Amino acid sequence: DRVLADNLKVMDASAVALCRDSDIPIVVFSIRDEGNLAAVIGGQGTATIVRKPQA
């Protein structure tokens, strides 16, 4: 909800809401840093994981 409320523009609002409602985490990272995509996929890169808060 904070991603939508703060208008962070990581993804469009519909995609964020769909991920939230389906409990799918969103991984945010810089695609501009060379090799970062492969590093994030391998669990080594710099990224932020946005997920639904635990109740």
PDB file of N, CA and C in Angstrom:
ATOM      1  N   ASP A   1       0.818  -1.196   0.000  1.00  0.00           N
ATOM      2  CA  ASP A   1       0.000   0.000   0.000  1.00  0.00           C
ATOM      3  C   ASP A   1       0.863   1.262   0.000  1.00  0.00           C
ATOM      4  N   ARG A   2       2.023   1.194   0.658  1.00  0.00           N
ATOM      5  CA  ARG A   2       2.886   2.377   0.719  1.00  0.00           C
ATOM      6  C   ARG A   2       3.426   2.743  -0.665  1.00  0.00           C
ATOM      7  N   VAL A   3       3.733   1.737  -1.484  1.00  0.00           N
ATOM      8  CA  VAL A   3       4.206   2.013  -2.843  1.00  0.00           C
ATOM      9  C   VAL A   3       3.166   2.835  -3.582  1.00  0.00           C
ATOM     10  N   LEU A   4       1.899   2.470  -3.426  1.00  0.00           N
ATOM     11  CA  LEU A   4       0.820   3.209  -4.085  1.00  0.00           C
ATOM     12  C   LEU A   4       0.600   4.563  -3.423  1.00  0.00           C
ATOM     13  N   ALA A   5       0.578   4.604  -2.100  1.00  0.00           N
ATOM     14  CA  ALA A   5       0.302   5.850  -1.375  1.00  0.00           C
ATOM     15  C   ALA A   5       1.396   6.885  -1.597  1.00  0.00           C
ATOM     16  N   ASP A   6       2.650   6.438  -1.622  1.00  0.00           N
ATOM     17  CA  ASP A   6       3.768   7.365  -1.800  1.00  0.00           C
ATOM     18  C   ASP A   6       4.051   7.662  -3.265  1.00  0.00           C
ATOM     19  N   ASN A   7       3.299   7.012  -4.170  1.00  0.00           N
ATOM     20  CA  ASN A   7       3.442   7.240  -5.608  1.00  0.00           C
ATOM     21  C   ASN A   7       4.899   7.081  -6.042  1.00  0.00           C
ATOM     22  N   LEU A   8       5.518   5.957  -5.678  1.00  0.00           N
ATOM     23  CA  LEU A   8       6.946   5.752  -5.906  1.00  0.00           C
ATOM     24  C   LEU A   8       7.313   5.513  -7.366  1.00  0.00           C
ATOM     25  N   LYS A   9       6.356   5.215  -8.204  1.00  0.00           N
ATOM     26  CA  LYS A   9       6.557   5.035  -9.647  1.00  0.00           C
ATOM     27  C   LYS A   9       7.568   3.943  -9.980  1.00  0.00           C
ATOM     28  N   VAL A  10       7.549   2.892  -9.182  1.00  0.00           N
ATOM     29  CA  VAL A  10       8.381   1.730  -9.473  1.00  0.00           C
ATOM     30  C   VAL A  10       7.742   0.928 -10.596  1.00  0.00           C
ATOM     31  N   MET A  11       6.428   0.792 -10.527  1.00  0.00           N
ATOM     32  CA  MET A  11       5.626   0.084 -11.520  1.00  0.00           C
ATOM     33  C   MET A  11       4.297   0.820 -11.613  1.00  0.00           C
ATOM     34  N   ASP A  12       3.484   0.463 -12.609  1.00  0.00           N
ATOM     35  CA  ASP A  12       2.172   1.100 -12.668  1.00  0.00           C
ATOM     36  C   ASP A  12       1.300   0.583 -11.526  1.00  0.00           C
ATOM     37  N   ALA A  13       0.331   1.375 -11.142  1.00  0.00           N
ATOM     38  CA  ALA A  13      -0.501   1.096  -9.967  1.00  0.00           C
ATOM     39  C   ALA A  13      -1.229  -0.238 -10.075  1.00  0.00           C
ATOM     40  N   SER A  14      -1.685  -0.597 -11.270  1.00  0.00           N
ATOM     41  CA  SER A  14      -2.401  -1.871 -11.439  1.00  0.00           C
ATOM     42  C   SER A  14      -1.490  -3.058 -11.162  1.00  0.00           C
ATOM     43  N   ALA A  15      -0.253  -2.993 -11.631  1.00  0.00           N
ATOM     44  CA  ALA A  15       0.698  -4.085 -11.407  1.00  0.00           C
ATOM     45  C   ALA A  15       1.048  -4.208  -9.927  1.00  0.00           C
ATOM     46  N   VAL A  16       1.234  -3.075  -9.256  1.00  0.00           N
ATOM     47  CA  VAL A  16       1.538  -3.092  -7.822  1.00  0.00           C
ATOM     48  C   VAL A  16       0.372  -3.698  -7.049  1.00  0.00           C
ATOM     49  N   ALA A  17      -0.849  -3.281  -7.376  1.00  0.00           N
ATOM     50  CA  ALA A  17      -2.035  -3.802  -6.687  1.00  0.00           C
ATOM     51  C   ALA A  17      -2.199  -5.300  -6.936  1.00  0.00           C
ATOM     52  N   LEU A  18      -1.955  -5.748  -8.156  1.00  0.00           N
ATOM     53  CA  LEU A  18      -2.058  -7.171  -8.477  1.00  0.00           C
ATOM     54  C   LEU A  18      -1.038  -7.982  -7.676  1.00  0.00           C
ATOM     55  N   CYS A  19       0.188  -7.497  -7.597  1.00  0.00           N
ATOM     56  CA  CYS A  19       1.214  -8.185  -6.803  1.00  0.00           C
ATOM     57  C   CYS A  19       0.828  -8.212  -5.330  1.00  0.00           C
ATOM     58  N   ARG A  20       0.332  -7.090  -4.822  1.00  0.00           N
ATOM     59  CA  ARG A  20      -0.089  -7.018  -3.416  1.00  0.00           C
ATOM     60  C   ARG A  20      -1.204  -8.017  -3.139  1.00  0.00           C
ATOM     61  N   ASP A  21      -2.225  -8.015  -3.978  1.00  0.00           N
ATOM     62  CA  ASP A  21      -3.388  -8.880  -3.767  1.00  0.00           C
ATOM     63  C   ASP A  21      -3.053 -10.363  -3.924  1.00  0.00           C
ATOM     64  N   SER A  22      -2.043 -10.661  -4.735  1.00  0.00           N
ATOM     65  CA  SER A  22      -1.641 -12.053  -4.969  1.00  0.00           C
ATOM     66  C   SER A  22      -0.459 -12.466  -4.101  1.00  0.00           C
ATOM     67  N   ASP A  23      -0.023 -11.573  -3.214  1.00  0.00           N
ATOM     68  CA  ASP A  23       1.102 -11.831  -2.307  1.00  0.00           C
ATOM     69  C   ASP A  23       2.381 -12.173  -3.070  1.00  0.00           C
ATOM     70  N   ILE A  24       2.640 -11.422  -4.153  1.00  0.00           N
ATOM     71  CA  ILE A  24       3.843 -11.603  -4.967  1.00  0.00           C
ATOM     72  C   ILE A  24       4.816 -10.480  -4.620  1.00  0.00           C
ATOM     73  N   PRO A  25       6.029 -10.808  -4.150  1.00  0.00           N
ATOM     74  CA  PRO A  25       6.988  -9.750  -3.831  1.00  0.00           C
ATOM     75  C   PRO A  25       7.480  -9.055  -5.098  1.00  0.00           C
ATOM     76  N   ILE A  26       7.836  -7.784  -4.961  1.00  0.00           N
ATOM     77  CA  ILE A  26       8.385  -6.995  -6.063  1.00  0.00           C
ATOM     78  C   ILE A  26       9.852  -6.746  -5.749  1.00  0.00           C
ATOM     79  N   VAL A  27      10.739  -7.092  -6.679  1.00  0.00           N
ATOM     80  CA  VAL A  27      12.171  -6.871  -6.503  1.00  0.00           C
ATOM     81  C   VAL A  27      12.550  -5.637  -7.319  1.00  0.00           C
ATOM     82  N   VAL A  28      13.047  -4.611  -6.625  1.00  0.00           N
ATOM     83  CA  VAL A  28      13.409  -3.344  -7.261  1.00  0.00           C
ATOM     84  C   VAL A  28      14.930  -3.242  -7.276  1.00  0.00           C
ATOM     85  N   PHE A  29      15.491  -3.000  -8.468  1.00  0.00           N
ATOM     86  CA  PHE A  29      16.945  -2.888  -8.593  1.00  0.00           C
ATOM     87  C   PHE A  29      17.271  -2.010  -9.789  1.00  0.00           C
ATOM     88  N   SER A  30      18.522  -1.593  -9.884  1.00  0.00           N
ATOM     89  CA  SER A  30      18.958  -0.768 -11.005  1.00  0.00           C
ATOM     90  C   SER A  30      19.399  -1.665 -12.154  1.00  0.00           C
ATOM     91  N   ILE A  31      18.757  -1.505 -13.284  1.00  0.00           N
ATOM     92  CA  ILE A  31      19.136  -2.249 -14.481  1.00  0.00           C
ATOM     93  C   ILE A  31      20.345  -1.583 -15.145  1.00  0.00           C
ATOM     94  N   ARG A  32      20.649  -0.355 -14.728  1.00  0.00           N
ATOM     95  CA  ARG A  32      21.752   0.409 -15.331  1.00  0.00           C
ATOM     96  C   ARG A  32      23.120  -0.002 -14.809  1.00  0.00           C
ATOM     97  N   ASP A  33      23.171  -0.634 -13.642  1.00  0.00           N
ATOM     98  CA  ASP A  33      24.450  -1.100 -13.107  1.00  0.00           C
ATOM     99  C   ASP A  33      24.828  -2.389 -13.821  1.00  0.00           C
ATOM    100  N   GLU A  34      25.955  -2.369 -14.516  1.00  0.00           N
ATOM    101  CA  GLU A  34      26.362  -3.510 -15.326  1.00  0.00           C
ATOM    102  C   GLU A  34      26.467  -4.784 -14.481  1.00  0.00           C
ATOM    103  N   GLY A  35      25.826  -5.834 -14.949  1.00  0.00           N
ATOM    104  CA  GLY A  35      25.864  -7.121 -14.275  1.00  0.00           C
ATOM    105  C   GLY A  35      24.902  -7.258 -13.102  1.00  0.00           C
ATOM    106  N   ASN A  36      24.156  -6.196 -12.790  1.00  0.00           N
ATOM    107  CA  ASN A  36      23.296  -6.230 -11.608  1.00  0.00           C
ATOM    108  C   ASN A  36      22.114  -7.191 -11.772  1.00  0.00           C
ATOM    109  N   LEU A  37      21.549  -7.289 -12.957  1.00  0.00           N
ATOM    110  CA  LEU A  37      20.429  -8.213 -13.164  1.00  0.00           C
ATOM    111  C   LEU A  37      20.855  -9.644 -12.846  1.00  0.00           C
ATOM    112  N   ALA A  38      21.974 -10.069 -13.417  1.00  0.00           N
ATOM    113  CA  ALA A  38      22.469 -11.425 -13.158  1.00  0.00           C
ATOM    114  C   ALA A  38      22.804 -11.604 -11.682  1.00  0.00           C
ATOM    115  N   ALA A  39      23.374 -10.573 -11.073  1.00  0.00           N
ATOM    116  CA  ALA A  39      23.723 -10.652  -9.651  1.00  0.00           C
ATOM    117  C   ALA A  39      22.471 -10.778  -8.789  1.00  0.00           C
ATOM    118  N   VAL A  40      21.440  -9.992  -9.102  1.00  0.00           N
ATOM    119  CA  VAL A  40      20.192 -10.054  -8.332  1.00  0.00           C
ATOM    120  C   VAL A  40      19.542 -11.425  -8.488  1.00  0.00           C
ATOM    121  N   ILE A  41      19.520 -11.932  -9.693  1.00  0.00           N
ATOM    122  CA  ILE A  41      18.950 -13.264  -9.925  1.00  0.00           C
ATOM    123  C   ILE A  41      19.720 -14.315  -9.129  1.00  0.00           C
ATOM    124  N   GLY A  42      21.030 -14.125  -9.028  1.00  0.00           N
ATOM    125  CA  GLY A  42      21.865 -15.054  -8.275  1.00  0.00           C
ATOM    126  C   GLY A  42      21.884 -14.798  -6.781  1.00  0.00           C
ATOM    127  N   GLY A  43      21.131 -13.794  -6.335  1.00  0.00           N
ATOM    128  CA  GLY A  43      21.045 -13.500  -4.910  1.00  0.00           C
ATOM    129  C   GLY A  43      22.185 -12.666  -4.370  1.00  0.00           C
ATOM    130  N   GLN A  44      22.979 -12.046  -5.257  1.00  0.00           N
ATOM    131  CA  GLN A  44      24.152 -11.301  -4.821  1.00  0.00           C
ATOM    132  C   GLN A  44      24.060  -9.799  -5.066  1.00  0.00           C
ATOM    133  N   GLY A  45      23.166  -9.344  -5.897  1.00  0.00           N
ATOM    134  CA  GLY A  45      23.115  -7.940  -6.281  1.00  0.00           C
ATOM    135  C   GLY A  45      22.477  -7.049  -5.234  1.00  0.00           C
ATOM    136  N   THR A  46      22.427  -5.768  -5.569  1.00  0.00           N
ATOM    137  CA  THR A  46      21.796  -4.779  -4.708  1.00  0.00           C
ATOM    138  C   THR A  46      20.352  -4.600  -5.154  1.00  0.00           C
ATOM    139  N   ALA A  47      19.422  -4.883  -4.258  1.00  0.00           N
ATOM    140  CA  ALA A  47      18.001  -4.788  -4.587  1.00  0.00           C
ATOM    141  C   ALA A  47      17.200  -4.561  -3.317  1.00  0.00           C
ATOM    142  N   THR A  48      15.985  -4.088  -3.509  1.00  0.00           N
ATOM    143  CA  THR A  48      15.029  -3.939  -2.421  1.00  0.00           C
ATOM    144  C   THR A  48      13.836  -4.824  -2.736  1.00  0.00           C
ATOM    145  N   ILE A  49      13.389  -5.583  -1.759  1.00  0.00           N
ATOM    146  CA  ILE A  49      12.224  -6.437  -1.952  1.00  0.00           C
ATOM    147  C   ILE A  49      11.036  -5.793  -1.253  1.00  0.00           C
ATOM    148  N   VAL A  50       9.988  -5.542  -2.036  1.00  0.00           N
ATOM    149  CA  VAL A  50       8.756  -4.952  -1.510  1.00  0.00           C
ATOM    150  C   VAL A  50       7.745  -6.077  -1.410  1.00  0.00           C
ATOM    151  N   ARG A  51       7.245  -6.297  -0.210  1.00  0.00           N
ATOM    152  CA  ARG A  51       6.261  -7.369  -0.028  1.00  0.00           C
ATOM    153  C   ARG A  51       5.190  -6.919   0.944  1.00  0.00           C
ATOM    154  N   LYS A  52       4.118  -7.663   0.934  1.00  0.00           N
ATOM    155  CA  LYS A  52       2.985  -7.399   1.813  1.00  0.00           C
ATOM    156  C   LYS A  52       3.422  -7.593   3.266  1.00  0.00           C
ATOM    157  N   PRO A  53       3.101  -6.657   4.144  1.00  0.00           N
ATOM    158  CA  PRO A  53       3.485  -6.812   5.556  1.00  0.00           C
ATOM    159  C   PRO A  53       2.832  -8.047   6.177  1.00  0.00           C
ATOM    160  N   GLN A  54       3.542  -8.691   7.063  1.00  0.00           N
ATOM    161  CA  GLN A  54       2.994  -9.846   7.772  1.00  0.00           C
ATOM    162  C   GLN A  54       1.964  -9.375   8.792  1.00  0.00           C
ATOM    163  N   ALA A  55       0.865 -10.107   8.897  1.00  0.00           N
ATOM    164  CA  ALA A  55      -0.200  -9.732   9.838  1.00  0.00           C
ATOM    165  C   ALA A  55       0.139 -10.130  11.247  1.00  0.00           C
TER     166      ALA A  55
END
